[in-house]
């Protein structure tokens, strides 16, 4: 997929695409991206974005003027759970003012343009719970409107998927039944952690990094879901991640007609030398959407021990990853995990790095896997220690025509 122009549009100083920290920061940040709405309980809420050039992380802000929990232990939260074109899905959770741990969830559609940004509450009742991260948004008819899609498996008597669809054009919910392709394995075990469109048509991909990609054209009159299995775990991960989620070391995206997949390993984890514990390798694969062989083509493997800084990177280097005396990178001193494959450049991957897993701050590595170079290492900052900073590459910024402030 060709990379968009550097600027979003004529007269705009915003990047054409961003790497977005999907967790919202509870603060008011009024600018040209700000849009407001009213929650289902009648309280005002605003959503804004601070948009910066990648690989620095852009941020989401929200301002909630409603009541807090009676105990004060629970506060409102917001998270971007989906993106396609000018549209974002924003899930907001609000505490029960009577106290206790119960949280109330609303889902909003943020539209960056054309025109000024808008924020619209999805009307209740929801057909199913929409608090999960694999609710899909699909831009339709050149961005004129969008669909919000939530799949739900059931047995009837064999397994089918109910596709619950909300249309911003009709402002109503509908349901399609999608049959399951013959011989599809693991379908009952799927627990997707992210979803994206395939840009063109109505194909959506729900990604479970353990089992595979659930693929469906949600615009079909008689839709079918099929599973594209991911490659088996790489050897050193078989024991290390046997019972653990694989999102920290696996990532899937789609561009130029191909699914691209990457998996990270830590070959030094079993070594006696503690200074080699965080050395990593990352192996990349790809396959077409209609490849009947189910085989993934091996592209390349990059080793952190073989990387060197590009000229553009020297200003970002910090002592934890750069030995000034020996003039070499020391990436084995930081923990690197959670990858983001670049949708526009198949040679680039972004990787989060921290001094340790409990750190709230860290750095984004921009790695050129073809030339074994680190191109940038900007810092990022998190406000809370108990969540993972999830990153989503999206291009809603190009639909906003004024500066972000």
Protein backbone atom coordinates (compact mmCIF):
# COMPACT_ATOMS: atom_id res chain seq x y z
CA UNK A 1 0.00 0.00 0.00
CA UNK A 2 1.57 3.34 -1.01
CA UNK A 3 2.21 5.74 1.84
CA UNK A 4 -0.01 8.84 1.81
CA UNK A 5 1.39 12.30 1.41
CA UNK A 6 3.23 13.67 4.43
CA UNK A 7 0.52 16.22 5.21
CA UNK A 8 -3.09 15.23 5.68
CA UNK A 9 -4.58 17.69 3.19
CA UNK A 10 -3.94 21.14 1.74
CA UNK A 11 -3.92 23.68 4.55
CA UNK A 12 -3.33 21.03 7.24
CA UNK A 13 -0.25 20.66 9.41
CA UNK A 14 -1.26 17.20 10.61
CA UNK A 15 0.35 13.89 9.60
CA UNK A 16 -1.53 11.80 7.03
CA UNK A 17 -1.44 8.82 9.40
CA UNK A 18 -0.53 8.24 13.03
CA UNK A 19 0.46 5.62 15.55
CA UNK A 20 -2.27 6.04 18.16
CA UNK A 21 -2.04 5.08 21.82
CA UNK A 22 -5.57 3.74 22.05
CA UNK A 23 -5.98 4.27 25.81
CA UNK A 24 -7.61 7.60 26.59
CA UNK A 25 -6.06 10.10 28.97
CA UNK A 26 -8.59 11.72 31.37
CA UNK A 27 -7.87 15.35 30.61
CA UNK A 28 -9.36 18.17 28.58
CA UNK A 29 -7.39 18.95 25.42
CA UNK A 30 -9.44 21.34 23.27
CA UNK A 31 -8.26 21.67 19.66
CA UNK A 32 -9.47 21.13 16.09
CA UNK A 33 -9.98 17.39 16.75
CA UNK A 34 -12.38 17.90 19.68
CA UNK A 35 -15.91 16.55 19.39
CA UNK A 36 -18.60 16.29 22.05
CA UNK A 37 -21.66 14.18 22.78
CA UNK A 38 -23.97 13.17 25.62
CA UNK A 39 -23.77 9.78 27.32
CA UNK A 40 -26.75 7.45 27.64
CA UNK A 41 -27.13 8.78 31.20
CA UNK A 42 -27.34 12.36 29.94
CA UNK A 43 -23.86 13.61 30.90
CA UNK A 44 -21.59 15.55 28.50
CA UNK A 45 -18.37 14.02 27.23
CA UNK A 46 -15.64 15.31 24.91
CA UNK A 47 -13.00 13.39 22.93
CA UNK A 48 -9.85 14.99 21.51
CA UNK A 49 -6.56 13.85 20.00
CA UNK A 50 -3.00 15.09 20.10
CA UNK A 51 -1.68 14.13 16.69
CA UNK A 52 2.08 13.94 16.08
CA UNK A 53 4.36 12.59 13.37
CA UNK A 54 5.08 8.85 13.69
CA UNK A 55 6.83 6.96 15.11
CA UNK A 56 6.01 9.20 18.11
CA UNK A 57 2.71 8.12 19.63
CA UNK A 58 -0.41 10.23 19.16
CA UNK A 59 -2.74 10.35 22.14
CA UNK A 60 -6.47 10.29 22.85
CA UNK A 61 -7.95 12.57 25.52
CA UNK A 62 -11.43 12.56 27.02
CA UNK A 63 -13.27 14.89 29.37
CA UNK A 64 -16.26 13.49 31.28
CA UNK A 65 -18.41 15.90 33.26
CA UNK A 66 -20.59 13.28 34.93
CA UNK A 67 -20.54 11.87 38.47
CA UNK A 68 -17.76 9.67 39.82
CA UNK A 69 -18.18 6.59 41.98
CA UNK A 70 -19.31 7.08 45.54
CA UNK A 71 -16.17 5.38 46.87
CA UNK A 72 -13.83 7.39 44.64
CA UNK A 73 -11.96 4.20 43.71
CA UNK A 74 -13.30 4.00 40.17
CA UNK A 75 -13.12 6.69 37.51
CA UNK A 76 -14.25 7.06 33.92
CA UNK A 77 -12.11 5.49 31.20
CA UNK A 78 -12.00 5.61 27.41
CA UNK A 79 -10.37 3.49 24.73
CA UNK A 80 -10.29 3.53 20.92
CA UNK A 81 -11.30 0.00 19.91
CA UNK A 82 -11.47 0.29 16.11
CA UNK A 83 -10.53 2.53 13.19
CA UNK A 84 -11.29 2.69 9.47
CA UNK A 85 -10.90 5.76 7.30
CA UNK A 86 -12.35 8.83 8.99
CA UNK A 87 -14.14 6.74 11.64
CA UNK A 88 -13.05 5.61 15.10
CA UNK A 89 -14.90 3.56 17.69
CA UNK A 90 -14.50 4.91 21.21
CA UNK A 91 -15.63 2.82 24.19
CA UNK A 92 -16.22 4.80 27.39
CA UNK A 93 -16.76 3.30 30.84
CA UNK A 94 -18.41 5.24 33.65
CA UNK A 95 -18.50 4.36 37.36
CA UNK A 96 -21.68 3.76 39.32
CA UNK A 97 -22.21 6.93 41.43
CA UNK A 98 -23.77 4.74 44.13
CA UNK A 99 -20.38 3.04 44.66
CA UNK A 100 -19.19 -0.51 44.04
CA UNK A 101 -17.19 -1.82 41.12
CA UNK A 102 -19.95 -1.84 38.49
CA UNK A 103 -19.07 0.12 35.34
CA UNK A 104 -21.48 1.35 32.67
CA UNK A 105 -20.26 1.22 29.05
CA UNK A 106 -21.21 3.46 26.14
CA UNK A 107 -19.84 3.20 22.59
CA UNK A 108 -19.40 6.26 20.38
CA UNK A 109 -18.55 6.75 16.70
CA UNK A 110 -15.99 9.51 16.19
CA UNK A 111 -15.89 10.96 12.67
CA UNK A 112 -12.91 13.13 11.76
CA UNK A 113 -14.48 14.65 8.64
CA UNK A 114 -15.38 15.95 6.17
CA UNK A 115 -16.48 19.05 7.99
CA UNK A 116 -15.87 19.40 11.71
CA UNK A 117 -15.28 16.28 13.84
CA UNK A 118 -18.35 14.64 15.38
CA UNK A 119 -19.03 12.18 18.19
CA UNK A 120 -22.23 10.12 18.15
CA UNK A 121 -23.51 7.68 20.73
CA UNK A 122 -24.55 4.27 19.42
CA UNK A 123 -28.21 4.03 20.42
CA UNK A 124 -29.33 1.46 22.94
CA UNK A 125 -30.37 -1.23 23.40
CA UNK A 126 -27.22 -2.94 22.12
CA UNK A 127 -27.97 -6.42 20.74
CA UNK A 128 -24.95 -7.78 22.64
CA UNK A 129 -22.25 -6.38 24.90
CA UNK A 130 -19.97 -4.02 23.00
CA UNK A 131 -17.21 -3.63 25.54
CA UNK A 132 -14.80 -6.02 23.82
CA UNK A 133 -11.89 -4.87 21.68
CA UNK A 134 -12.96 -6.75 18.55
CA UNK A 135 -15.96 -4.63 17.61
CA UNK A 136 -15.34 -3.65 13.98
CA UNK A 137 -15.94 -0.37 12.16
CA UNK A 138 -16.16 -0.30 8.36
CA UNK A 139 -16.11 2.92 6.34
CA UNK A 140 -18.62 2.73 3.45
CA UNK A 141 -19.31 4.61 0.22
CA UNK A 142 -16.15 6.69 0.33
CA UNK A 143 -16.62 7.68 3.96
CA UNK A 144 -20.26 8.77 3.60
CA UNK A 145 -21.24 6.50 6.50
CA UNK A 146 -19.96 3.50 8.42
CA UNK A 147 -21.02 0.15 9.81
CA UNK A 148 -20.26 -1.14 13.30
CA UNK A 149 -20.01 -4.94 13.29
CA UNK A 150 -19.88 -7.39 16.19
CA UNK A 151 -19.70 -11.15 15.46
CA UNK A 152 -21.17 -13.64 17.90
CA UNK A 153 -20.89 -17.44 17.43
CA UNK A 154 -23.76 -19.77 18.24
CA UNK A 155 -24.84 -23.34 17.46
CA UNK A 156 -27.89 -23.83 15.22
CA UNK A 157 -27.33 -26.89 15.39
CA UNK A 158 -23.92 -26.42 13.76
CA UNK A 159 -21.90 -23.29 14.44
CA UNK A 160 -22.86 -20.06 12.71
CA UNK A 161 -21.99 -16.44 13.38
CA UNK A 162 -24.58 -13.76 14.06
CA UNK A 163 -23.19 -10.54 12.59
CA UNK A 164 -24.78 -7.70 14.53
CA UNK A 165 -24.51 -4.57 12.36
CA UNK A 166 -25.24 -0.94 13.17
CA UNK A 167 -25.50 1.51 10.27
CA UNK A 168 -24.87 5.21 10.83
CA UNK A 169 -26.91 5.84 7.66
CA UNK A 170 -30.12 4.22 8.97
CA UNK A 171 -29.26 4.71 12.66
CA UNK A 172 -30.46 1.18 13.35
CA UNK A 173 -29.25 -2.34 14.17
CA UNK A 174 -29.69 -5.44 12.02
CA UNK A 175 -28.42 -9.01 12.12
CA UNK A 176 -27.01 -11.29 9.42
CA UNK A 177 -26.31 -14.99 9.89
CA UNK A 178 -22.90 -15.99 8.49
CA UNK A 179 -22.27 -19.65 7.79
CA UNK A 180 -18.96 -21.20 8.77
CA UNK A 181 -16.75 -22.55 5.99
CA UNK A 182 -16.52 -26.33 5.81
CA UNK A 183 -13.74 -27.89 7.84
CA UNK A 184 -12.87 -24.74 9.76
CA UNK A 185 -10.86 -25.66 12.87
CA UNK A 186 -10.54 -23.80 16.18
CA UNK A 187 -13.57 -21.63 15.43
CA UNK A 188 -15.07 -22.25 18.87
CA UNK A 189 -11.77 -21.28 20.53
CA UNK A 190 -11.27 -17.93 18.81
CA UNK A 191 -10.76 -14.92 21.07
CA UNK A 192 -9.89 -12.02 18.75
CA UNK A 193 -7.86 -9.18 20.22
CA UNK A 194 -8.02 -6.80 17.23
CA UNK A 195 -9.92 -6.27 13.99
CA UNK A 196 -9.31 -4.32 10.79
CA UNK A 197 -10.80 -3.90 7.32
CA UNK A 198 -9.04 -5.08 4.18
CA UNK A 199 -9.62 -1.72 2.47
CA UNK A 200 -11.99 -2.32 -0.37
CA UNK A 201 -15.25 -4.28 -0.42
CA UNK A 202 -16.64 -5.42 2.91
CA UNK A 203 -13.96 -7.79 4.15
CA UNK A 204 -13.13 -7.62 7.86
CA UNK A 205 -10.41 -9.60 9.64
CA UNK A 206 -10.67 -10.52 13.32
CA UNK A 207 -7.24 -11.58 14.62
CA UNK A 208 -6.65 -14.16 17.34
CA UNK A 209 -2.85 -14.30 17.61
CA UNK A 210 -3.00 -17.89 18.90
CA UNK A 211 -5.27 -19.53 16.32
CA UNK A 212 -5.69 -17.34 13.27
CA UNK A 213 -7.65 -14.77 11.30
CA UNK A 214 -11.44 -14.89 11.09
CA UNK A 215 -12.32 -13.47 7.67
CA UNK A 216 -15.78 -12.35 6.50
CA UNK A 217 -17.28 -10.07 3.87
CA UNK A 218 -19.92 -8.40 6.02
CA UNK A 219 -21.57 -6.75 2.99
CA UNK A 220 -22.45 -10.09 1.35
CA UNK A 221 -26.12 -11.00 1.31
CA UNK A 222 -25.14 -14.56 2.32
CA UNK A 223 -21.86 -14.10 4.22
CA UNK A 224 -19.41 -16.86 5.05
CA UNK A 225 -16.70 -16.84 7.69
CA UNK A 226 -13.45 -18.68 7.14
CA UNK A 227 -10.32 -19.11 9.19
CA UNK A 228 -6.80 -18.43 7.99
CA UNK A 229 -4.52 -20.25 10.39
CA UNK A 230 -1.34 -18.55 11.55
CA UNK A 231 2.03 -20.33 11.39
CA UNK A 232 2.86 -22.57 14.37
CA UNK A 233 4.77 -21.02 17.24
CA UNK A 234 8.46 -20.59 16.61
CA UNK A 235 10.60 -23.12 18.54
CA UNK A 236 11.77 -21.01 21.48
CA UNK A 237 8.23 -19.68 22.07
CA UNK A 238 6.59 -23.11 22.36
CA UNK A 239 7.47 -23.47 26.04
CA UNK A 240 7.87 -19.80 26.97
CA UNK A 241 4.35 -18.85 25.77
CA UNK A 242 2.61 -22.23 26.05
CA UNK A 243 -0.14 -20.90 28.32
CA UNK A 244 0.29 -17.15 27.82
CA UNK A 245 -1.35 -14.63 25.47
CA UNK A 246 0.67 -14.15 22.29
CA UNK A 247 -0.16 -10.49 21.61
CA UNK A 248 3.19 -9.31 23.07
CA UNK A 249 5.14 -11.30 20.44
CA UNK A 250 2.79 -11.65 17.43
CA UNK A 251 1.18 -9.16 15.05
CA UNK A 252 -0.88 -9.35 11.83
CA UNK A 253 -1.76 -6.68 9.28
CA UNK A 254 -2.95 -6.51 5.67
CA UNK A 255 -1.59 -4.46 2.76
CA UNK A 256 -1.13 -4.76 -1.01
CA UNK A 257 -3.35 -7.85 -1.20
CA UNK A 258 -1.40 -9.82 1.42
CA UNK A 259 -1.65 -10.65 5.07
CA UNK A 260 1.64 -9.97 6.82
CA UNK A 261 2.59 -11.72 10.04
CA UNK A 262 5.50 -11.26 12.44
CA UNK A 263 6.61 -13.20 15.52
CA UNK A 264 9.29 -12.24 18.01
CA UNK A 265 11.57 -14.67 19.91
CA UNK A 266 14.01 -14.20 22.78
CA UNK A 267 16.87 -16.62 22.05
CA UNK A 268 18.84 -15.50 25.12
CA UNK A 269 16.15 -16.32 27.68
CA UNK A 270 17.76 -19.67 28.57
CA UNK A 271 21.32 -18.36 28.67
CA UNK A 272 23.26 -18.06 31.93
CA UNK A 273 24.44 -14.59 30.93
CA UNK A 274 21.82 -12.11 32.28
CA UNK A 275 23.09 -9.38 29.94
CA UNK A 276 21.71 -11.32 26.94
CA UNK A 277 18.22 -11.88 28.35
CA UNK A 278 16.45 -9.29 26.20
CA UNK A 279 18.09 -9.99 22.85
CA UNK A 280 15.36 -10.70 20.30
CA UNK A 281 14.76 -11.91 16.78
CA UNK A 282 11.67 -11.19 14.68
CA UNK A 283 10.57 -13.37 11.77
CA UNK A 284 8.21 -12.09 9.07
CA UNK A 285 5.82 -14.04 6.82
CA UNK A 286 3.16 -13.19 4.25
CA UNK A 287 0.38 -14.85 2.24
CA UNK A 288 -2.40 -13.77 -0.10
CA UNK A 289 -6.03 -13.67 0.96
CA UNK A 290 -7.08 -16.46 -1.43
CA UNK A 291 -4.06 -18.77 -1.15
CA UNK A 292 -5.62 -22.25 -1.07
CA UNK A 293 -2.39 -23.88 0.14
CA UNK A 294 -2.65 -22.27 3.60
CA UNK A 295 1.14 -21.80 3.48
CA UNK A 296 2.84 -18.67 4.74
CA UNK A 297 5.85 -17.46 2.78
CA UNK A 298 8.92 -16.77 4.92
CA UNK A 299 10.19 -13.24 4.21
CA UNK A 300 13.11 -12.60 6.55
CA UNK A 301 14.36 -12.66 10.13
CA UNK A 302 15.90 -9.66 11.84
CA UNK A 303 18.19 -10.02 14.88
CA UNK A 304 18.47 -7.19 17.42
CA UNK A 305 22.17 -8.00 17.83
CA UNK A 306 22.76 -7.17 14.15
CA UNK A 307 20.98 -3.79 14.08
CA UNK A 308 22.79 -0.48 13.78
CA UNK A 309 21.49 3.09 14.06
CA UNK A 310 20.60 5.02 10.91
CA UNK A 311 21.81 8.61 10.68
CA UNK A 312 18.25 9.75 11.50
CA UNK A 313 18.39 7.83 14.80
CA UNK A 314 21.42 9.30 16.56
CA UNK A 315 19.50 12.22 18.05
CA UNK A 316 17.13 9.74 19.75
CA UNK A 317 19.71 7.40 21.27
CA UNK A 318 19.83 7.11 25.06
CA UNK A 319 22.41 5.42 27.32
CA UNK A 320 20.36 2.29 27.97
CA UNK A 321 20.57 1.20 24.31
CA UNK A 322 23.79 2.89 23.12
CA UNK A 323 27.34 2.11 24.20
CA UNK A 324 29.15 5.38 23.46
CA UNK A 325 32.59 3.88 23.94
CA UNK A 326 32.11 0.88 21.67
CA UNK A 327 29.75 2.77 19.33
CA UNK A 328 27.16 0.02 19.20
CA UNK A 329 23.53 -0.63 20.12
CA UNK A 330 22.80 -2.53 23.35
CA UNK A 331 19.17 -3.51 22.79
CA UNK A 332 19.60 -6.55 25.05
CA UNK A 333 19.38 -4.13 28.02
CA UNK A 334 15.74 -3.20 27.36
CA UNK A 335 12.62 -5.35 27.11
CA UNK A 336 11.13 -5.12 23.62
CA UNK A 337 7.66 -6.46 22.85
CA UNK A 338 4.31 -5.52 21.25
CA UNK A 339 4.95 -5.05 17.53
CA UNK A 340 3.13 -2.92 14.95
CA UNK A 341 3.66 -3.73 11.27
CA UNK A 342 3.64 -0.66 9.04
CA UNK A 343 0.68 -0.76 6.63
CA UNK A 344 2.52 1.40 4.08
CA UNK A 345 6.05 -0.02 4.17
CA UNK A 346 6.44 -3.80 4.39
CA UNK A 347 10.05 -3.44 5.57
CA UNK A 348 9.20 -1.40 8.70
CA UNK A 349 8.05 -2.60 12.10
CA UNK A 350 7.50 -0.57 15.26
CA UNK A 351 8.39 -2.16 18.61
CA UNK A 352 7.77 -0.93 22.15
CA UNK A 353 10.79 -1.03 24.46
CA UNK A 354 10.99 -0.50 28.24
CA UNK A 355 13.63 -0.88 30.93
CA UNK A 356 11.34 -3.52 32.52
CA UNK A 357 7.81 -4.82 32.17
CA UNK A 358 6.45 -2.64 35.00
CA UNK A 359 7.70 0.64 33.55
CA UNK A 360 5.03 3.16 32.60
CA UNK A 361 7.34 4.91 30.13
CA UNK A 362 9.40 3.62 27.23
CA UNK A 363 10.47 4.10 23.63
CA UNK A 364 9.11 3.21 20.18
CA UNK A 365 11.71 1.57 17.95
CA UNK A 366 11.24 2.11 14.23
CA UNK A 367 13.11 -0.79 12.62
CA UNK A 368 14.01 -1.11 8.94
CA UNK A 369 14.10 -4.91 8.69
CA UNK A 370 15.53 -5.00 5.16
CA UNK A 371 18.58 -2.88 5.94
CA UNK A 372 18.96 -3.87 9.62
CA UNK A 373 18.68 -0.27 10.79
CA UNK A 374 16.93 1.49 13.65
CA UNK A 375 15.59 4.69 12.13
CA UNK A 376 13.99 6.40 15.14
CA UNK A 377 13.62 5.87 18.92
CA UNK A 378 11.15 8.49 20.25
CA UNK A 379 9.99 8.17 23.89
CA UNK A 380 6.40 7.51 24.98
CA UNK A 381 4.71 8.10 28.30
CA UNK A 382 1.84 6.29 30.00
CA UNK A 383 -0.27 7.64 32.85
CA UNK A 384 -1.16 4.34 34.50
CA UNK A 385 1.00 1.35 35.35
CA UNK A 386 -1.68 -1.34 35.15
CA UNK A 387 -2.50 -1.34 31.43
CA UNK A 388 -0.68 -2.16 28.24
CA UNK A 389 -0.16 0.75 25.87
CA UNK A 390 -1.90 -0.59 22.76
CA UNK A 391 -0.88 1.03 19.47
CA UNK A 392 -3.02 1.31 16.33
CA UNK A 393 -1.88 2.67 12.99
CA UNK A 394 -4.71 4.70 11.46
CA UNK A 395 -5.22 7.54 8.99
CA UNK A 396 -8.23 9.44 10.40
CA UNK A 397 -5.86 12.41 10.84
CA UNK A 398 -5.88 13.13 7.09
CA UNK A 399 -9.58 14.01 7.26
CA UNK A 400 -8.96 16.88 9.72
CA UNK A 401 -8.06 20.09 7.94
CA UNK A 402 -6.75 22.27 10.77
CA UNK A 403 -3.89 22.11 13.26
CA UNK A 404 -4.19 20.01 16.38
CA UNK A 405 -3.04 22.70 18.81
